[in-house]
């Protein structure tokens, strides 16, 4: 990507606290301090949550919850690198968080739409897109 096509992403100063709060929750479903059971994941996802995986496949909330329930936690997850976080307000109490996730050789761009609900956060939508090799 050359300099003319790469966007300049700067989080506004008034969103830095939101950025830091959401940054700590990513990658979603891989932060045991925010939940590790199906009930936890149900609480953290909006009823109409959906996901588009890095494969391009679309997934319903029910499917994602089923997969998470069967998933064995991977202790190697802590070696993943997250970087280039950006937060943008989409509407009242609704934010788009974007970042890059490095899982060894696999690099993806991630987008999560978050909604503040009372004192907690709900995941409304998530997408991962693989970065093409240079």
Protein backbone atom coordinates (compact mmCIF):
# COMPACT_ATOMS: atom_id res chain seq x y z
CA UNK A 1 0.00 0.00 0.00
CA UNK A 2 1.50 3.34 -0.94
CA UNK A 3 1.23 6.53 1.09
CA UNK A 4 -1.53 7.99 -1.08
CA UNK A 5 -3.93 5.09 -0.49
CA UNK A 6 -3.30 4.43 3.20
CA UNK A 7 -5.71 6.45 5.38
CA UNK A 8 -4.47 8.60 8.22
CA UNK A 9 -6.26 7.27 11.29
CA UNK A 10 -6.21 9.45 14.36
CA UNK A 11 -8.56 8.87 17.26
CA UNK A 12 -10.03 12.16 18.52
CA UNK A 13 -8.86 13.15 21.99
CA UNK A 14 -12.38 12.87 23.43
CA UNK A 15 -12.47 9.17 22.41
CA UNK A 16 -9.11 8.11 23.87
CA UNK A 17 -10.69 6.67 27.03
CA UNK A 18 -13.16 4.65 24.91
CA UNK A 19 -10.28 3.51 22.68
CA UNK A 20 -8.31 2.24 25.68
CA UNK A 21 -11.33 0.50 27.21
CA UNK A 22 -12.17 -1.32 23.96
CA UNK A 23 -8.54 -2.05 23.14
CA UNK A 24 -8.33 -4.15 26.30
CA UNK A 25 -11.26 -6.29 25.04
CA UNK A 26 -9.67 -7.22 21.72
CA UNK A 27 -9.30 -9.65 20.15
CA UNK A 28 -12.88 -10.43 21.13
CA UNK A 29 -13.61 -13.78 22.75
CA UNK A 30 -9.91 -14.16 23.64
CA UNK A 31 -9.80 -12.15 26.85
CA UNK A 32 -10.72 -14.50 29.72
CA UNK A 33 -11.02 -11.58 32.15
CA UNK A 34 -14.14 -10.55 30.22
CA UNK A 35 -15.61 -14.03 29.96
CA UNK A 36 -14.96 -17.60 28.99
CA UNK A 37 -18.34 -19.35 29.14
CA UNK A 38 -21.26 -19.38 26.73
CA UNK A 39 -23.28 -17.30 29.19
CA UNK A 40 -20.46 -14.73 29.31
CA UNK A 41 -20.31 -14.55 25.51
CA UNK A 42 -24.10 -14.21 25.32
CA UNK A 43 -23.91 -11.22 27.69
CA UNK A 44 -21.18 -9.55 25.64
CA UNK A 45 -22.90 -9.87 22.24
CA UNK A 46 -25.95 -8.00 21.02
CA UNK A 47 -28.99 -10.14 20.18
CA UNK A 48 -28.50 -9.32 16.48
CA UNK A 49 -24.71 -9.82 16.53
CA UNK A 50 -23.13 -11.22 13.39
CA UNK A 51 -19.62 -11.79 12.17
CA UNK A 52 -17.80 -11.95 8.86
CA UNK A 53 -14.75 -14.16 9.22
CA UNK A 54 -11.40 -13.70 7.52
CA UNK A 55 -12.57 -16.34 5.04
CA UNK A 56 -15.43 -14.07 3.96
CA UNK A 57 -17.97 -16.45 5.49
CA UNK A 58 -20.88 -14.84 7.41
CA UNK A 59 -21.76 -16.23 10.82
CA UNK A 60 -24.82 -15.82 13.02
CA UNK A 61 -24.66 -15.15 16.73
CA UNK A 62 -25.95 -18.66 17.44
CA UNK A 63 -23.21 -20.24 15.31
CA UNK A 64 -20.46 -18.14 16.92
CA UNK A 65 -21.74 -19.04 20.41
CA UNK A 66 -21.79 -22.74 19.49
CA UNK A 67 -18.19 -22.57 18.23
CA UNK A 68 -17.03 -20.66 21.30
CA UNK A 69 -18.68 -23.20 23.59
CA UNK A 70 -16.69 -26.02 21.94
CA UNK A 71 -13.41 -24.13 21.65
CA UNK A 72 -10.53 -25.09 23.89
CA UNK A 73 -8.67 -22.01 25.17
CA UNK A 74 -5.27 -21.63 23.54
CA UNK A 75 -2.54 -20.52 25.95
CA UNK A 76 -0.47 -19.33 22.96
CA UNK A 77 -3.01 -16.55 22.32
CA UNK A 78 -1.06 -14.22 24.59
CA UNK A 79 1.73 -14.09 21.99
CA UNK A 80 -0.56 -12.46 19.42
CA UNK A 81 0.30 -8.87 18.57
CA UNK A 82 -2.37 -6.20 18.26
CA UNK A 83 -1.49 -2.81 16.83
CA UNK A 84 -2.71 0.26 14.95
CA UNK A 85 -5.87 0.72 17.01
CA UNK A 86 -8.32 3.40 15.94
CA UNK A 87 -11.70 4.36 17.40
CA UNK A 88 -14.48 6.23 15.64
CA UNK A 89 -17.86 7.22 17.03
CA UNK A 90 -20.69 5.99 14.81
CA UNK A 91 -23.62 7.27 16.85
CA UNK A 92 -24.81 7.63 20.43
CA UNK A 93 -22.85 5.11 22.53
CA UNK A 94 -21.79 3.22 19.35
CA UNK A 95 -18.17 2.93 18.24
CA UNK A 96 -16.11 1.33 15.50
CA UNK A 97 -12.80 -0.10 16.69
CA UNK A 98 -10.28 -1.14 14.04
CA UNK A 99 -6.85 -2.70 14.46
CA UNK A 100 -4.34 -5.15 13.04
CA UNK A 101 -3.89 -8.62 14.55
CA UNK A 102 -0.71 -10.61 13.99
CA UNK A 103 -1.05 -14.33 14.74
CA UNK A 104 2.41 -15.43 13.73
CA UNK A 105 2.47 -15.40 9.92
CA UNK A 106 -1.29 -14.75 9.71
CA UNK A 107 -2.06 -11.02 9.68
CA UNK A 108 -5.57 -9.64 9.58
CA UNK A 109 -7.31 -6.31 9.86
CA UNK A 110 -10.11 -6.38 12.42
CA UNK A 111 -13.23 -4.24 12.84
CA UNK A 112 -15.62 -4.44 15.76
CA UNK A 113 -18.69 -2.32 16.32
CA UNK A 114 -19.27 -1.82 20.03
CA UNK A 115 -22.29 -0.35 21.81
CA UNK A 116 -22.16 0.94 25.37
CA UNK A 117 -25.16 -0.45 27.25
CA UNK A 118 -25.39 0.99 30.72
CA UNK A 119 -22.10 0.23 32.39
CA UNK A 120 -21.14 -2.57 30.03
CA UNK A 121 -20.17 -3.07 26.38
CA UNK A 122 -21.92 -5.14 23.71
CA UNK A 123 -20.36 -6.44 20.51
CA UNK A 124 -22.73 -5.65 17.65
CA UNK A 125 -20.63 -6.74 14.66
CA UNK A 126 -17.15 -8.12 13.98
CA UNK A 127 -15.14 -8.66 10.80
CA UNK A 128 -11.66 -9.99 10.12
CA UNK A 129 -9.96 -9.54 6.76
CA UNK A 130 -6.72 -11.30 5.89
CA UNK A 131 -3.88 -9.06 4.73
CA UNK A 132 -2.51 -10.18 1.39
CA UNK A 133 1.16 -11.06 1.31
CA UNK A 134 3.26 -8.29 -0.29
